[in-house]
Every structure is written in C-alpha cells, then in structure tokens.
N, C-alpha and C. Protein backbone atom coordinates (compact mmCIF):
# COMPACT_ATOMS: atom_id res chain seq x y z
N MET A 1 26.82 27.07 10.47
CA MET A 1 26.24 25.74 10.76
C MET A 1 26.88 25.16 12.01
N ASN A 2 26.04 24.69 12.92
CA ASN A 2 26.53 24.10 14.17
C ASN A 2 26.70 22.60 13.95
N LEU A 3 27.96 22.15 13.95
CA LEU A 3 28.24 20.75 13.68
C LEU A 3 27.81 19.84 14.81
N LEU A 4 27.52 20.42 16.00
CA LEU A 4 27.10 19.61 17.13
C LEU A 4 25.60 19.30 17.08
N VAL A 5 24.87 20.01 16.24
CA VAL A 5 23.42 19.79 16.12
C VAL A 5 23.15 18.89 14.92
N PRO A 6 22.56 17.72 15.14
CA PRO A 6 22.30 16.81 14.01
C PRO A 6 21.29 17.42 13.04
N PRO A 7 21.42 17.12 11.76
CA PRO A 7 20.46 17.65 10.79
C PRO A 7 19.06 17.10 11.06
N ARG A 8 18.06 17.91 10.80
CA ARG A 8 16.68 17.49 11.02
C ARG A 8 16.18 16.71 9.80
N ALA A 9 15.49 15.61 10.08
CA ALA A 9 14.88 14.83 9.00
C ALA A 9 13.74 15.63 8.41
N ARG A 10 13.47 15.43 7.13
CA ARG A 10 12.39 16.16 6.45
C ARG A 10 11.41 15.16 5.85
N LEU A 11 10.12 15.38 6.12
CA LEU A 11 9.08 14.50 5.61
C LEU A 11 7.94 15.33 5.02
N GLN A 12 7.30 14.75 4.02
CA GLN A 12 6.09 15.36 3.48
C GLN A 12 4.89 14.62 4.04
N VAL A 13 3.92 15.38 4.54
CA VAL A 13 2.67 14.80 5.03
C VAL A 13 1.53 15.37 4.20
N ASP A 14 0.88 14.49 3.44
CA ASP A 14 -0.31 14.89 2.69
C ASP A 14 -1.52 14.71 3.59
N VAL A 15 -2.29 15.78 3.74
CA VAL A 15 -3.51 15.73 4.55
C VAL A 15 -4.70 15.79 3.61
N VAL A 16 -5.40 14.68 3.51
CA VAL A 16 -6.61 14.63 2.68
C VAL A 16 -7.78 14.97 3.59
N PHE A 17 -8.51 16.02 3.27
CA PHE A 17 -9.46 16.57 4.24
C PHE A 17 -10.59 17.32 3.55
N ASP A 18 -11.66 17.55 4.32
CA ASP A 18 -12.72 18.45 3.88
C ASP A 18 -12.96 19.48 4.96
N LEU A 19 -13.16 20.70 4.55
CA LEU A 19 -13.30 21.82 5.49
C LEU A 19 -14.62 21.83 6.24
N VAL A 20 -15.58 21.00 5.83
CA VAL A 20 -16.84 20.91 6.56
C VAL A 20 -16.92 19.63 7.38
N CYS A 21 -15.78 18.97 7.57
CA CYS A 21 -15.71 17.73 8.32
C CYS A 21 -15.14 18.00 9.72
N PRO A 22 -15.94 17.84 10.78
CA PRO A 22 -15.43 18.13 12.13
C PRO A 22 -14.29 17.21 12.54
N TRP A 23 -14.31 15.95 12.06
CA TRP A 23 -13.21 15.04 12.38
C TRP A 23 -11.91 15.52 11.75
N CYS A 24 -12.01 16.18 10.60
CA CYS A 24 -10.81 16.72 9.96
C CYS A 24 -10.23 17.87 10.77
N TYR A 25 -11.10 18.72 11.30
CA TYR A 25 -10.63 19.82 12.15
C TYR A 25 -9.92 19.24 13.37
N LEU A 26 -10.54 18.27 13.99
CA LEU A 26 -9.94 17.62 15.16
C LEU A 26 -8.63 16.93 14.79
N GLY A 27 -8.65 16.22 13.66
CA GLY A 27 -7.46 15.47 13.24
C GLY A 27 -6.28 16.36 12.90
N THR A 28 -6.55 17.51 12.26
CA THR A 28 -5.44 18.40 11.91
C THR A 28 -4.85 19.04 13.16
N ARG A 29 -5.68 19.31 14.16
CA ARG A 29 -5.17 19.83 15.42
C ARG A 29 -4.27 18.80 16.10
N ARG A 30 -4.69 17.54 16.05
CA ARG A 30 -3.87 16.50 16.66
C ARG A 30 -2.57 16.30 15.89
N LEU A 31 -2.62 16.46 14.59
CA LEU A 31 -1.38 16.39 13.80
C LEU A 31 -0.43 17.50 14.24
N ARG A 32 -0.94 18.71 14.41
CA ARG A 32 -0.08 19.82 14.83
C ARG A 32 0.55 19.52 16.20
N ARG A 33 -0.24 18.92 17.09
CA ARG A 33 0.30 18.59 18.41
C ARG A 33 1.40 17.54 18.29
N ALA A 34 1.20 16.57 17.40
CA ALA A 34 2.24 15.55 17.18
C ALA A 34 3.51 16.19 16.64
N LEU A 35 3.37 17.14 15.74
CA LEU A 35 4.54 17.77 15.14
C LEU A 35 5.28 18.65 16.15
N ARG A 36 4.53 19.29 17.04
CA ARG A 36 5.20 20.09 18.09
C ARG A 36 6.02 19.22 19.01
N ALA A 37 5.59 17.96 19.18
CA ALA A 37 6.33 17.04 20.04
C ALA A 37 7.57 16.47 19.35
N ARG A 38 7.70 16.71 18.06
CA ARG A 38 8.82 16.18 17.31
C ARG A 38 9.58 17.29 16.57
N PRO A 39 10.23 18.16 17.31
CA PRO A 39 10.99 19.25 16.67
C PRO A 39 12.19 18.75 15.88
N ASP A 40 12.49 17.45 16.01
CA ASP A 40 13.61 16.87 15.25
C ASP A 40 13.23 16.60 13.80
N ILE A 41 11.96 16.79 13.46
CA ILE A 41 11.49 16.50 12.10
C ILE A 41 10.93 17.77 11.47
N LEU A 42 11.40 18.07 10.26
CA LEU A 42 10.81 19.15 9.47
C LEU A 42 9.71 18.54 8.60
N VAL A 43 8.51 19.07 8.70
CA VAL A 43 7.38 18.51 7.96
C VAL A 43 6.80 19.54 7.01
N ASP A 44 6.64 19.12 5.77
CA ASP A 44 5.94 19.94 4.78
C ASP A 44 4.53 19.37 4.63
N ILE A 45 3.53 20.15 5.03
CA ILE A 45 2.14 19.71 4.92
C ILE A 45 1.58 20.10 3.56
N ILE A 46 1.04 19.11 2.86
CA ILE A 46 0.37 19.34 1.58
C ILE A 46 -1.12 19.11 1.79
N TRP A 47 -1.92 20.14 1.55
CA TRP A 47 -3.36 20.05 1.77
C TRP A 47 -4.03 19.50 0.53
N ARG A 48 -4.69 18.33 0.67
CA ARG A 48 -5.33 17.66 -0.45
C ARG A 48 -6.85 17.69 -0.26
N PRO A 49 -7.59 18.34 -1.15
CA PRO A 49 -9.04 18.46 -0.97
C PRO A 49 -9.79 17.15 -1.18
N PHE A 50 -10.85 17.01 -0.39
CA PHE A 50 -11.76 15.87 -0.51
C PHE A 50 -13.16 16.44 -0.36
N LEU A 51 -14.08 16.01 -1.21
CA LEU A 51 -15.45 16.53 -1.17
C LEU A 51 -16.37 15.47 -0.57
N LEU A 52 -16.67 15.64 0.71
CA LEU A 52 -17.52 14.66 1.39
C LEU A 52 -18.95 14.69 0.86
N ASN A 53 -19.40 15.88 0.47
CA ASN A 53 -20.78 16.05 0.02
C ASN A 53 -20.78 16.70 -1.36
N PRO A 54 -20.31 15.99 -2.38
CA PRO A 54 -20.16 16.61 -3.71
C PRO A 54 -21.47 17.02 -4.36
N ASP A 55 -22.58 16.47 -3.87
CA ASP A 55 -23.87 16.78 -4.49
C ASP A 55 -24.56 18.01 -3.90
N ILE A 56 -23.97 18.58 -2.86
CA ILE A 56 -24.58 19.79 -2.28
C ILE A 56 -24.47 20.93 -3.30
N PRO A 57 -25.57 21.64 -3.56
CA PRO A 57 -25.51 22.75 -4.53
C PRO A 57 -24.62 23.87 -4.05
N SER A 58 -24.20 24.72 -4.97
CA SER A 58 -23.28 25.81 -4.63
C SER A 58 -23.86 26.74 -3.57
N ALA A 59 -25.18 26.86 -3.52
CA ALA A 59 -25.82 27.72 -2.51
C ALA A 59 -25.95 27.03 -1.15
N GLY A 60 -25.59 25.73 -1.08
CA GLY A 60 -25.69 25.01 0.17
C GLY A 60 -27.09 24.49 0.43
N LEU A 61 -27.26 23.89 1.61
CA LEU A 61 -28.56 23.37 2.03
C LEU A 61 -28.87 23.87 3.43
N PRO A 62 -30.15 24.11 3.75
CA PRO A 62 -30.50 24.39 5.14
C PRO A 62 -30.01 23.25 6.02
N ARG A 63 -29.44 23.57 7.15
CA ARG A 63 -28.80 22.54 7.96
C ARG A 63 -29.78 21.44 8.37
N GLN A 64 -31.00 21.81 8.69
CA GLN A 64 -31.98 20.81 9.10
C GLN A 64 -32.21 19.79 7.99
N GLU A 65 -32.31 20.28 6.75
CA GLU A 65 -32.50 19.37 5.61
C GLU A 65 -31.30 18.46 5.44
N PHE A 66 -30.10 19.03 5.60
CA PHE A 66 -28.89 18.22 5.47
C PHE A 66 -28.82 17.15 6.54
N LEU A 67 -29.12 17.51 7.80
CA LEU A 67 -29.05 16.54 8.89
C LEU A 67 -30.05 15.41 8.70
N THR A 68 -31.22 15.74 8.16
CA THR A 68 -32.21 14.70 7.91
C THR A 68 -31.71 13.74 6.83
N ARG A 69 -31.09 14.29 5.79
CA ARG A 69 -30.54 13.45 4.72
C ARG A 69 -29.40 12.56 5.22
N LYS A 70 -28.52 13.17 6.00
CA LYS A 70 -27.27 12.48 6.38
C LYS A 70 -27.47 11.53 7.56
N PHE A 71 -28.23 11.98 8.57
CA PHE A 71 -28.32 11.23 9.81
C PHE A 71 -29.73 10.70 10.10
N GLY A 72 -30.69 11.07 9.26
CA GLY A 72 -32.05 10.63 9.51
C GLY A 72 -32.82 11.53 10.46
N GLY A 73 -32.17 12.55 10.97
CA GLY A 73 -32.84 13.47 11.88
C GLY A 73 -31.85 14.19 12.77
N GLU A 74 -32.34 15.19 13.49
CA GLU A 74 -31.46 16.06 14.28
C GLU A 74 -30.98 15.40 15.57
N GLU A 75 -31.78 14.51 16.16
CA GLU A 75 -31.41 13.94 17.45
C GLU A 75 -30.13 13.11 17.36
N ARG A 76 -30.04 12.28 16.34
CA ARG A 76 -28.83 11.47 16.16
C ARG A 76 -27.62 12.37 15.92
N ALA A 77 -27.81 13.42 15.12
CA ALA A 77 -26.72 14.36 14.85
C ALA A 77 -26.28 15.05 16.13
N LYS A 78 -27.23 15.43 16.98
CA LYS A 78 -26.87 16.11 18.24
C LYS A 78 -26.01 15.24 19.13
N ARG A 79 -26.33 13.95 19.18
CA ARG A 79 -25.52 13.04 20.02
C ARG A 79 -24.11 12.94 19.48
N LEU A 80 -23.98 12.82 18.16
CA LEU A 80 -22.65 12.75 17.55
C LEU A 80 -21.89 14.05 17.77
N HIS A 81 -22.56 15.17 17.60
CA HIS A 81 -21.90 16.47 17.76
C HIS A 81 -21.45 16.69 19.20
N ALA A 82 -22.23 16.20 20.15
CA ALA A 82 -21.83 16.34 21.56
C ALA A 82 -20.54 15.58 21.84
N THR A 83 -20.42 14.40 21.24
CA THR A 83 -19.20 13.60 21.41
C THR A 83 -18.00 14.32 20.79
N ILE A 84 -18.19 14.84 19.58
CA ILE A 84 -17.09 15.54 18.90
C ILE A 84 -16.70 16.79 19.68
N ALA A 85 -17.69 17.54 20.17
CA ALA A 85 -17.39 18.76 20.92
C ALA A 85 -16.59 18.46 22.18
N GLU A 86 -16.91 17.36 22.83
CA GLU A 86 -16.17 16.96 24.04
C GLU A 86 -14.72 16.64 23.70
N LEU A 87 -14.50 15.92 22.60
CA LEU A 87 -13.14 15.62 22.17
C LEU A 87 -12.39 16.89 21.77
N GLY A 88 -13.12 17.85 21.22
CA GLY A 88 -12.50 19.09 20.78
C GLY A 88 -11.93 19.92 21.92
N VAL A 89 -12.51 19.80 23.10
CA VAL A 89 -12.04 20.59 24.24
C VAL A 89 -10.55 20.33 24.51
N ALA A 90 -10.14 19.08 24.42
CA ALA A 90 -8.74 18.71 24.70
C ALA A 90 -7.78 19.31 23.69
N GLU A 91 -8.28 19.62 22.49
CA GLU A 91 -7.42 20.18 21.43
C GLU A 91 -7.61 21.68 21.28
N GLY A 92 -8.40 22.27 22.15
CA GLY A 92 -8.66 23.70 22.04
C GLY A 92 -9.52 24.06 20.85
N VAL A 93 -10.36 23.12 20.44
CA VAL A 93 -11.25 23.34 19.30
C VAL A 93 -12.65 23.66 19.82
N PRO A 94 -13.12 24.90 19.63
CA PRO A 94 -14.42 25.30 20.19
C PRO A 94 -15.57 25.00 19.23
N PHE A 95 -15.97 23.74 19.14
CA PHE A 95 -17.08 23.40 18.26
C PHE A 95 -18.37 24.06 18.74
N ARG A 96 -19.05 24.76 17.82
CA ARG A 96 -20.37 25.34 18.11
C ARG A 96 -21.31 25.00 16.95
N PHE A 97 -21.72 23.75 16.95
CA PHE A 97 -22.58 23.27 15.86
C PHE A 97 -23.89 24.03 15.79
N ASP A 98 -24.34 24.57 16.93
CA ASP A 98 -25.61 25.29 16.96
C ASP A 98 -25.58 26.57 16.14
N ARG A 99 -24.38 27.06 15.83
CA ARG A 99 -24.26 28.30 15.06
C ARG A 99 -24.31 28.08 13.55
N ILE A 100 -24.20 26.83 13.13
CA ILE A 100 -24.19 26.52 11.70
C ILE A 100 -25.62 26.45 11.19
N ARG A 101 -25.97 27.36 10.31
CA ARG A 101 -27.34 27.44 9.81
C ARG A 101 -27.50 26.77 8.43
N ARG A 102 -26.43 26.75 7.64
CA ARG A 102 -26.49 26.13 6.33
C ARG A 102 -25.29 25.21 6.17
N MET A 103 -25.52 24.09 5.48
CA MET A 103 -24.40 23.21 5.15
C MET A 103 -23.90 23.62 3.78
N PRO A 104 -22.69 24.17 3.71
CA PRO A 104 -22.22 24.71 2.44
C PRO A 104 -21.55 23.66 1.56
N SER A 105 -21.48 23.97 0.29
CA SER A 105 -20.55 23.27 -0.59
C SER A 105 -19.15 23.74 -0.19
N SER A 106 -18.20 22.82 -0.12
CA SER A 106 -16.85 23.22 0.29
C SER A 106 -15.91 23.47 -0.89
N LEU A 107 -16.45 23.42 -2.11
CA LEU A 107 -15.61 23.57 -3.30
C LEU A 107 -14.84 24.89 -3.29
N ASP A 108 -15.53 26.00 -3.09
CA ASP A 108 -14.86 27.30 -3.16
C ASP A 108 -13.88 27.48 -2.00
N ALA A 109 -14.19 26.92 -0.85
CA ALA A 109 -13.26 27.01 0.27
C ALA A 109 -11.97 26.26 -0.03
N HIS A 110 -12.08 25.11 -0.68
CA HIS A 110 -10.87 24.37 -1.09
C HIS A 110 -10.09 25.16 -2.14
N ARG A 111 -10.80 25.81 -3.05
CA ARG A 111 -10.12 26.66 -4.03
C ARG A 111 -9.35 27.77 -3.32
N LEU A 112 -9.96 28.35 -2.30
CA LEU A 112 -9.30 29.42 -1.55
C LEU A 112 -8.03 28.91 -0.86
N VAL A 113 -8.06 27.69 -0.35
CA VAL A 113 -6.86 27.11 0.27
C VAL A 113 -5.73 27.04 -0.75
N ARG A 114 -6.05 26.61 -1.96
CA ARG A 114 -5.03 26.52 -3.00
C ARG A 114 -4.45 27.91 -3.31
N PHE A 115 -5.29 28.91 -3.36
CA PHE A 115 -4.84 30.28 -3.58
C PHE A 115 -3.91 30.72 -2.44
N ALA A 116 -4.32 30.43 -1.21
CA ALA A 116 -3.52 30.82 -0.04
C ALA A 116 -2.17 30.11 0.00
N VAL A 117 -2.15 28.84 -0.40
CA VAL A 117 -0.89 28.08 -0.43
C VAL A 117 0.12 28.78 -1.33
N ARG A 118 -0.35 29.28 -2.47
CA ARG A 118 0.56 29.97 -3.40
C ARG A 118 1.10 31.26 -2.81
N GLU A 119 0.39 31.80 -1.82
CA GLU A 119 0.84 33.02 -1.16
C GLU A 119 1.59 32.72 0.14
N GLY A 120 1.85 31.44 0.39
CA GLY A 120 2.57 31.05 1.61
C GLY A 120 1.73 31.09 2.86
N LEU A 121 0.39 31.07 2.70
CA LEU A 121 -0.51 31.20 3.86
C LEU A 121 -1.50 30.04 3.94
N GLY A 122 -1.13 28.91 3.36
CA GLY A 122 -2.04 27.77 3.32
C GLY A 122 -2.44 27.26 4.69
N ASP A 123 -1.46 27.05 5.58
CA ASP A 123 -1.76 26.52 6.91
C ASP A 123 -2.70 27.44 7.68
N ALA A 124 -2.40 28.74 7.64
CA ALA A 124 -3.23 29.71 8.35
C ALA A 124 -4.64 29.76 7.77
N MET A 125 -4.74 29.61 6.44
CA MET A 125 -6.05 29.67 5.80
C MET A 125 -6.89 28.47 6.20
N VAL A 126 -6.29 27.30 6.23
CA VAL A 126 -7.03 26.10 6.64
C VAL A 126 -7.55 26.26 8.06
N ASP A 127 -6.69 26.69 8.98
CA ASP A 127 -7.11 26.87 10.37
C ASP A 127 -8.24 27.89 10.49
N THR A 128 -8.14 28.97 9.73
CA THR A 128 -9.14 30.04 9.81
C THR A 128 -10.47 29.60 9.23
N LEU A 129 -10.44 28.83 8.16
CA LEU A 129 -11.69 28.32 7.58
C LEU A 129 -12.36 27.32 8.52
N PHE A 130 -11.58 26.44 9.11
CA PHE A 130 -12.13 25.50 10.09
C PHE A 130 -12.79 26.25 11.25
N HIS A 131 -12.04 27.20 11.81
CA HIS A 131 -12.56 27.95 12.96
C HIS A 131 -13.80 28.75 12.56
N GLY A 132 -13.73 29.38 11.40
CA GLY A 132 -14.88 30.17 10.96
C GLY A 132 -16.14 29.33 10.87
N HIS A 133 -16.02 28.15 10.28
CA HIS A 133 -17.20 27.31 10.09
C HIS A 133 -17.69 26.71 11.40
N PHE A 134 -16.78 26.08 12.15
CA PHE A 134 -17.20 25.29 13.30
C PHE A 134 -17.34 26.09 14.60
N ALA A 135 -16.69 27.23 14.71
CA ALA A 135 -16.80 28.03 15.94
C ALA A 135 -17.71 29.24 15.76
N GLU A 136 -17.77 29.76 14.51
CA GLU A 136 -18.53 30.98 14.27
C GLU A 136 -19.78 30.75 13.42
N GLY A 137 -19.89 29.57 12.83
CA GLY A 137 -21.02 29.30 11.96
C GLY A 137 -20.92 30.00 10.62
N ALA A 138 -19.71 30.36 10.19
CA ALA A 138 -19.51 31.04 8.91
C ALA A 138 -19.89 30.12 7.76
N ASP A 139 -20.58 30.67 6.77
CA ASP A 139 -21.00 29.92 5.60
C ASP A 139 -19.86 29.89 4.58
N LEU A 140 -19.17 28.76 4.49
CA LEU A 140 -17.99 28.65 3.62
C LEU A 140 -18.36 28.58 2.15
N GLY A 141 -19.66 28.56 1.86
CA GLY A 141 -20.08 28.58 0.46
C GLY A 141 -20.41 29.98 -0.03
N HIS A 142 -20.28 30.97 0.86
CA HIS A 142 -20.64 32.35 0.53
C HIS A 142 -19.37 33.14 0.21
N GLU A 143 -19.34 33.74 -0.96
CA GLU A 143 -18.11 34.40 -1.42
C GLU A 143 -17.66 35.52 -0.48
N ASP A 144 -18.58 36.36 -0.03
CA ASP A 144 -18.19 37.46 0.86
C ASP A 144 -17.59 36.94 2.16
N THR A 145 -18.13 35.83 2.64
CA THR A 145 -17.59 35.22 3.87
C THR A 145 -16.16 34.73 3.63
N LEU A 146 -15.94 34.10 2.50
CA LEU A 146 -14.59 33.61 2.19
C LEU A 146 -13.60 34.76 2.05
N VAL A 147 -14.02 35.85 1.43
CA VAL A 147 -13.14 37.01 1.29
C VAL A 147 -12.79 37.56 2.67
N ARG A 148 -13.79 37.66 3.54
CA ARG A 148 -13.55 38.18 4.90
C ARG A 148 -12.56 37.29 5.65
N LEU A 149 -12.73 35.99 5.57
CA LEU A 149 -11.82 35.07 6.26
C LEU A 149 -10.43 35.11 5.65
N ALA A 150 -10.36 35.29 4.33
CA ALA A 150 -9.05 35.38 3.67
C ALA A 150 -8.30 36.62 4.12
N MET A 151 -9.01 37.72 4.26
CA MET A 151 -8.37 38.96 4.73
C MET A 151 -7.88 38.82 6.16
N ARG A 152 -8.53 37.96 6.93
CA ARG A 152 -8.13 37.74 8.32
C ARG A 152 -6.72 37.16 8.41
N VAL A 153 -6.30 36.39 7.41
CA VAL A 153 -4.96 35.80 7.44
C VAL A 153 -3.94 36.65 6.67
N GLY A 154 -4.40 37.77 6.10
CA GLY A 154 -3.48 38.68 5.42
C GLY A 154 -3.53 38.66 3.92
N LEU A 155 -4.50 37.97 3.34
CA LEU A 155 -4.64 37.96 1.88
C LEU A 155 -5.36 39.21 1.41
N ASP A 156 -5.08 39.60 0.18
CA ASP A 156 -5.72 40.79 -0.39
C ASP A 156 -7.15 40.47 -0.79
N GLY A 157 -8.09 41.21 -0.23
CA GLY A 157 -9.50 40.92 -0.46
C GLY A 157 -9.92 41.05 -1.90
N VAL A 158 -9.41 42.06 -2.60
CA VAL A 158 -9.76 42.28 -4.00
C VAL A 158 -9.25 41.12 -4.86
N ALA A 159 -8.02 40.69 -4.58
CA ALA A 159 -7.44 39.58 -5.35
C ALA A 159 -8.20 38.29 -5.09
N VAL A 160 -8.61 38.07 -3.85
CA VAL A 160 -9.37 36.86 -3.51
C VAL A 160 -10.73 36.88 -4.20
N HIS A 161 -11.39 38.03 -4.16
CA HIS A 161 -12.69 38.16 -4.83
C HIS A 161 -12.57 37.87 -6.32
N ARG A 162 -11.54 38.41 -6.93
CA ARG A 162 -11.33 38.20 -8.37
C ARG A 162 -11.08 36.71 -8.65
N PHE A 163 -10.29 36.09 -7.79
CA PHE A 163 -9.98 34.67 -7.96
C PHE A 163 -11.24 33.81 -7.83
N LEU A 164 -12.03 34.06 -6.80
CA LEU A 164 -13.23 33.26 -6.60
C LEU A 164 -14.23 33.45 -7.74
N GLU A 165 -14.34 34.68 -8.22
CA GLU A 165 -15.26 34.96 -9.33
C GLU A 165 -14.84 34.25 -10.61
N SER A 166 -13.54 34.02 -10.76
CA SER A 166 -13.01 33.45 -12.00
C SER A 166 -13.33 31.96 -12.15
N GLY A 167 -13.60 31.28 -11.04
CA GLY A 167 -13.80 29.84 -11.10
C GLY A 167 -12.51 29.04 -11.19
N ALA A 168 -11.38 29.73 -11.11
CA ALA A 168 -10.08 29.06 -11.23
C ALA A 168 -9.91 27.99 -10.15
N ASP A 169 -9.23 26.93 -10.52
CA ASP A 169 -8.86 25.82 -9.63
C ASP A 169 -10.01 24.90 -9.27
N ALA A 170 -11.22 25.16 -9.78
CA ALA A 170 -12.32 24.24 -9.50
C ALA A 170 -12.03 22.86 -10.09
N ASP A 171 -11.53 22.83 -11.32
CA ASP A 171 -11.21 21.55 -11.95
C ASP A 171 -10.11 20.83 -11.17
N ALA A 172 -9.15 21.59 -10.65
CA ALA A 172 -8.06 20.98 -9.88
C ALA A 172 -8.57 20.34 -8.60
N VAL A 173 -9.52 20.99 -7.94
CA VAL A 173 -10.11 20.42 -6.72
C VAL A 173 -10.85 19.14 -7.05
N HIS A 174 -11.64 19.15 -8.10
CA HIS A 174 -12.36 17.93 -8.50
C HIS A 174 -11.39 16.81 -8.87
N ALA A 175 -10.29 17.17 -9.53
CA ALA A 175 -9.30 16.16 -9.91
C ALA A 175 -8.64 15.54 -8.68
N GLU A 176 -8.33 16.37 -7.68
CA GLU A 176 -7.74 15.87 -6.44
C GLU A 176 -8.71 14.96 -5.70
N ASN A 177 -9.98 15.34 -5.71
CA ASN A 177 -11.00 14.51 -5.05
C ASN A 177 -11.10 13.15 -5.74
N LEU A 178 -11.08 13.16 -7.06
CA LEU A 178 -11.13 11.90 -7.82
C LEU A 178 -9.89 11.06 -7.56
N ARG A 179 -8.74 11.71 -7.50
CA ARG A 179 -7.48 11.01 -7.23
C ARG A 179 -7.54 10.30 -5.88
N ALA A 180 -8.09 10.98 -4.87
CA ALA A 180 -8.18 10.38 -3.54
C ALA A 180 -9.04 9.12 -3.58
N HIS A 181 -10.17 9.18 -4.28
CA HIS A 181 -11.03 8.01 -4.37
C HIS A 181 -10.34 6.87 -5.11
N ARG A 182 -9.60 7.21 -6.15
CA ARG A 182 -8.89 6.17 -6.90
C ARG A 182 -7.80 5.51 -6.07
N LEU A 183 -7.27 6.26 -5.09
CA LEU A 183 -6.26 5.69 -4.19
C LEU A 183 -6.90 4.87 -3.08
N GLY A 184 -8.24 4.82 -3.07
CA GLY A 184 -8.94 4.04 -2.06
C GLY A 184 -9.29 4.81 -0.81
N ILE A 185 -9.15 6.13 -0.86
CA ILE A 185 -9.49 6.96 0.29
C ILE A 185 -10.98 7.30 0.20
N ASN A 186 -11.75 6.76 1.13
CA ASN A 186 -13.19 6.97 1.12
C ASN A 186 -13.68 7.75 2.34
N GLY A 187 -12.76 8.02 3.26
CA GLY A 187 -13.11 8.79 4.45
C GLY A 187 -11.97 9.69 4.85
N VAL A 188 -12.29 10.77 5.52
CA VAL A 188 -11.28 11.74 5.92
C VAL A 188 -11.47 12.12 7.40
N PRO A 189 -10.38 12.59 8.03
CA PRO A 189 -9.08 12.89 7.44
C PRO A 189 -8.28 11.62 7.13
N CYS A 190 -7.37 11.77 6.20
CA CYS A 190 -6.41 10.71 5.91
C CYS A 190 -5.04 11.35 5.81
N PHE A 191 -4.08 10.78 6.52
CA PHE A 191 -2.72 11.32 6.55
C PHE A 191 -1.79 10.37 5.81
N VAL A 192 -1.09 10.89 4.82
CA VAL A 192 -0.15 10.09 4.04
C VAL A 192 1.25 10.67 4.25
N VAL A 193 2.12 9.87 4.84
CA VAL A 193 3.46 10.35 5.18
C VAL A 193 4.47 9.79 4.18
N ALA A 194 5.24 10.71 3.61
CA ALA A 194 6.30 10.35 2.65
C ALA A 194 5.75 9.57 1.45
N GLY A 195 4.49 9.78 1.12
CA GLY A 195 3.91 9.19 -0.07
C GLY A 195 3.56 7.72 0.01
N ARG A 196 3.78 7.08 1.18
CA ARG A 196 3.53 5.63 1.21
C ARG A 196 2.98 5.12 2.54
N ASN A 197 3.10 5.83 3.62
CA ASN A 197 2.58 5.38 4.91
C ASN A 197 1.32 6.19 5.22
N ALA A 198 0.17 5.53 5.28
CA ALA A 198 -1.09 6.25 5.41
C ALA A 198 -1.90 5.73 6.59
N ILE A 199 -2.70 6.64 7.15
CA ILE A 199 -3.63 6.26 8.21
C ILE A 199 -4.82 7.21 8.14
N ALA A 200 -6.01 6.66 8.35
CA ALA A 200 -7.24 7.46 8.26
C ALA A 200 -7.80 7.69 9.66
N GLY A 201 -8.57 8.77 9.78
CA GLY A 201 -9.24 9.07 11.03
C GLY A 201 -8.53 10.13 11.84
N ALA A 202 -9.26 10.70 12.81
CA ALA A 202 -8.69 11.74 13.68
C ALA A 202 -7.86 11.07 14.77
N GLN A 203 -6.70 10.59 14.36
CA GLN A 203 -5.86 9.78 15.25
C GLN A 203 -5.26 10.61 16.38
N GLU A 204 -5.00 9.92 17.49
CA GLU A 204 -4.31 10.58 18.61
C GLU A 204 -2.89 10.97 18.18
N PRO A 205 -2.33 12.04 18.76
CA PRO A 205 -0.98 12.49 18.38
C PRO A 205 0.07 11.40 18.48
N GLU A 206 -0.05 10.53 19.49
CA GLU A 206 0.95 9.48 19.67
C GLU A 206 0.94 8.50 18.49
N VAL A 207 -0.23 8.24 17.94
CA VAL A 207 -0.35 7.35 16.78
C VAL A 207 0.31 8.00 15.57
N LEU A 208 0.09 9.30 15.41
CA LEU A 208 0.69 10.01 14.28
C LEU A 208 2.21 10.08 14.42
N GLU A 209 2.69 10.22 15.65
CA GLU A 209 4.14 10.21 15.86
C GLU A 209 4.75 8.88 15.44
N ARG A 210 4.06 7.79 15.76
CA ARG A 210 4.58 6.46 15.37
C ARG A 210 4.61 6.33 13.85
N LEU A 211 3.62 6.92 13.19
CA LEU A 211 3.60 6.89 11.73
C LEU A 211 4.79 7.66 11.16
N LEU A 212 5.12 8.77 11.78
CA LEU A 212 6.30 9.54 11.35
C LEU A 212 7.57 8.71 11.52
N ASP A 213 7.65 8.00 12.63
CA ASP A 213 8.85 7.18 12.91
C ASP A 213 8.97 6.05 11.88
N VAL A 214 7.85 5.43 11.52
CA VAL A 214 7.87 4.39 10.50
C VAL A 214 8.37 4.93 9.18
N ALA A 215 7.90 6.14 8.84
CA ALA A 215 8.31 6.76 7.59
C ALA A 215 9.79 7.08 7.59
N LEU A 216 10.33 7.48 8.74
CA LEU A 216 11.76 7.79 8.85
C LEU A 216 12.60 6.52 8.65
N VAL A 217 12.14 5.41 9.19
CA VAL A 217 12.87 4.15 9.04
C VAL A 217 12.86 3.70 7.58
N ASP A 218 11.71 3.92 6.90
CA ASP A 218 11.55 3.48 5.53
C ASP A 218 12.26 4.40 4.54
N ALA A 219 12.61 5.60 5.00
CA ALA A 219 13.19 6.60 4.06
C ALA A 219 14.55 6.15 3.55
C-alpha cells in the first residue's frame, strides 16, 4: 500500500434505464465519460430495469405501428431521432434508427442483463445490447438475437438459451419496474447516487460529476 496515495472514495450509482430508450443509451455513455474524469472515485454501477412500454407483446410490434401509437406518426419521430442522433455523435453513439424494424419488448433483454451481472459481465452486456439495438437494428425481443449478443461479451450461449427459456428473473424485472414507479421515477434514465441523490435525464457529464461531489459531501 502506497501511503502517499489517498484512498479512493467509493459510491454506488443506481442506473434506472430501459434498453430500448435512446436517451438511456446516451445518458449511460455520458455517465461513463463523467466517471473517466473522476478517477479519484470508485463507482459500483447497479443496473435497475425500467419498462417504458410494458404493454408491448413479447413478439414486439412493427416499428411503424409503434411510432404511430407513440408519436402520432413517423414524421415527428424522425425529427426527434435526428436530434438524438446528432447528440450521439459527441458520445460516439452511432444511432441508426432506420435499421430498427420492430419495437421489441425489453423484458427478456433486462433478464439477460441480470444473468450477465451474476457472471461479472453486466456493464459489457448493457453496452452490447444498446449497440445491437440502436446501431445494428437487432431485435432485443428475439431469443436467438439475445443469445448471439450474449456470446459477443463472452457468455456461454447454451447457458443463456437455457436461462431465457426458463423465464427466470421475469418477476424480478417486473418488481424492479414497480419499485421505480413507487419511488416516483416516471422517466428514464434516472441516476441515483449513494441511494439518496437522484437526477433524471441524459445529463451532461459535468452535471453528473457535480452529483457525485454532492454525494461525497453527504457521505
């Protein structure tokens, strides 16, 4: 132990998110940038599932139908997506909304994140699922697609297939989603630092850094 190096502070950051939410992809990238700027802090990220579209069937919806339901039509969605894609460039996020053909249920993808966390690969799994959906148009509601993406981060494909087939952790995802709503979280991403300092939205890294500093003072 080097006595000249001060000990690093440790904080828990709960990220309440949905894998089909582009603002969540952008927000998690900005969180990572904030953390890289603060090597003096050790952060444990806890991924908390949120279901933005809980009524979407397990087979998903054709994207055109979803956009009509959510935005009233494709033109309004295109304008919003163009804005998000422009913001994504600064974070190295290659949004390709044109590649998304179906709007999936995100339940199984959240279950897969929980499986990956137990294998020590949660962060990598979240990043890969985000990239798969928003850059490649991968259908996160399709089991074979989830297995393929899981193998990309080093998970065993047979074990992942068995897990997804079992339905395990579905109740846990629903319980976490309900917990978030009971805490008053109605939009994502939402970042909760040290269990008490929270902020919603895809905040700039500097804003997230200030939240970390507040949490350190309160600790």
